[in-house]
């Protein structure tokens, strides 16, 4: 039986915001590529603070992306922080043994 991760045929890059410099510019961790599936989505969701938000994209990936990460989609300029997208909500899908198999990341 194939796993759902076999369907992740696109590459996204992600980096964690680990702090801010004296001028407020974000300091990022190393850029990490991850296999994913990016698809447009128009769904009303609630973000981490409980506010309602219409998601424009959903990314399926096995990468350990959290709300502190910034994500660049395929074709985005990874040297430009302003092109990075910030996750709004994350759903983790867990198997019967309690292992996270993949995540749905809403943007």
Protein backbone atom coordinates (compact mmCIF):
# COMPACT_ATOMS: atom_id res chain seq x y z
CA UNK A 1 0.00 0.00 0.00
CA UNK A 2 1.44 3.36 -0.96
CA UNK A 3 1.59 6.22 1.48
CA UNK A 4 0.11 9.66 0.97
CA UNK A 5 3.62 11.14 0.92
CA UNK A 6 4.15 9.52 -2.49
CA UNK A 7 1.80 12.20 -3.85
CA UNK A 8 4.07 15.04 -2.72
CA UNK A 9 5.71 15.87 -6.06
CA UNK A 10 6.40 19.58 -5.59
CA UNK A 11 9.17 21.23 -3.57
CA UNK A 12 8.55 24.02 -1.09
CA UNK A 13 11.24 25.73 0.95
CA UNK A 14 10.71 26.66 4.57
CA UNK A 15 12.64 28.47 7.26
CA UNK A 16 11.91 29.19 10.91
CA UNK A 17 11.85 32.73 12.26
CA UNK A 18 14.30 32.45 15.18
CA UNK A 19 14.39 36.09 16.21
CA UNK A 20 14.57 39.70 15.13
CA UNK A 21 17.54 42.03 14.71
CA UNK A 22 17.82 45.55 16.19
CA UNK A 23 15.75 47.01 13.32
CA UNK A 24 12.98 44.42 13.58
CA UNK A 25 14.02 42.41 10.53
CA UNK A 26 13.38 38.68 11.02
CA UNK A 27 16.34 36.35 11.56
CA UNK A 28 15.76 33.04 9.79
CA UNK A 29 17.14 29.55 10.24
CA UNK A 30 18.67 27.71 7.29
CA UNK A 31 16.41 27.23 4.29
CA UNK A 32 15.13 23.65 4.05
CA UNK A 33 13.47 22.08 1.00
CA UNK A 34 10.56 19.69 1.51
CA UNK A 35 8.39 17.53 -0.70
CA UNK A 36 4.83 18.82 -0.73
CA UNK A 37 1.61 19.26 -2.64
CA UNK A 38 0.42 22.84 -3.07
CA UNK A 39 -3.14 23.46 -4.11
CA UNK A 40 -5.48 26.45 -4.16
CA UNK A 41 -8.20 26.40 -1.54
CA UNK A 42 -11.09 28.66 -0.63
CA UNK A 43 -12.05 27.53 2.83
CA UNK A 44 -13.12 29.42 5.91
CA UNK A 45 -10.87 28.40 8.80
CA UNK A 46 -9.94 29.70 12.24
CA UNK A 47 -6.34 30.71 12.88
CA UNK A 48 -4.39 30.08 16.08
CA UNK A 49 -5.99 33.06 17.85
CA UNK A 50 -9.52 32.01 16.90
CA UNK A 51 -10.08 34.65 14.21
CA UNK A 52 -11.85 33.51 11.04
CA UNK A 53 -9.79 33.56 7.87
CA UNK A 54 -10.38 32.54 4.25
CA UNK A 55 -7.46 30.33 3.24
CA UNK A 56 -6.08 30.81 -0.26
CA UNK A 57 -3.80 27.75 -0.35
CA UNK A 58 -3.35 24.45 1.45
CA UNK A 59 -0.02 22.61 1.45
CA UNK A 60 0.21 18.91 2.23
CA UNK A 61 3.65 17.91 3.52
CA UNK A 62 5.45 15.62 5.95
CA UNK A 63 7.89 18.41 6.88
CA UNK A 64 7.76 19.68 10.49
CA UNK A 65 6.33 23.10 9.59
CA UNK A 66 4.92 25.15 12.47
CA UNK A 67 3.32 28.58 12.79
CA UNK A 68 6.82 30.04 13.36
CA UNK A 69 7.96 29.06 9.86
CA UNK A 70 7.84 30.96 6.59
CA UNK A 71 7.24 29.02 3.37
CA UNK A 72 8.20 29.73 -0.24
CA UNK A 73 6.12 27.98 -2.90
CA UNK A 74 7.64 26.49 -6.08
CA UNK A 75 8.96 29.28 -8.29
CA UNK A 76 9.16 31.89 -5.49
CA UNK A 77 12.40 33.82 -4.95
CA UNK A 78 13.78 32.38 -1.69
CA UNK A 79 16.15 35.33 -1.22
CA UNK A 80 13.18 37.69 -0.83
CA UNK A 81 11.59 37.41 2.63
CA UNK A 82 8.57 39.36 1.41
CA UNK A 83 7.69 36.48 -0.95
CA UNK A 84 7.46 34.03 1.95
CA UNK A 85 4.05 32.97 3.16
CA UNK A 86 3.11 32.64 6.82
CA UNK A 87 1.04 29.62 7.90
CA UNK A 88 -2.30 30.47 9.49
CA UNK A 89 -3.33 27.03 10.74
CA UNK A 90 -1.88 23.52 10.70
CA UNK A 91 -3.68 20.17 10.90
CA UNK A 92 -1.60 17.09 11.74
CA UNK A 93 -2.79 13.70 10.55
CA UNK A 94 -1.77 10.90 12.89
CA UNK A 95 -1.85 7.15 12.23
CA UNK A 96 -3.04 4.49 14.69
CA UNK A 97 0.39 4.31 16.36
CA UNK A 98 0.39 8.04 17.14
CA UNK A 99 2.93 8.99 14.47
CA UNK A 100 2.34 12.18 12.45
CA UNK A 101 2.12 11.06 8.81
CA UNK A 102 1.57 14.43 7.16
CA UNK A 103 0.39 17.97 7.82
CA UNK A 104 -2.12 20.25 6.13
CA UNK A 105 -0.76 23.79 6.28
CA UNK A 106 -3.25 26.57 5.54
CA UNK A 107 -2.19 29.90 4.03
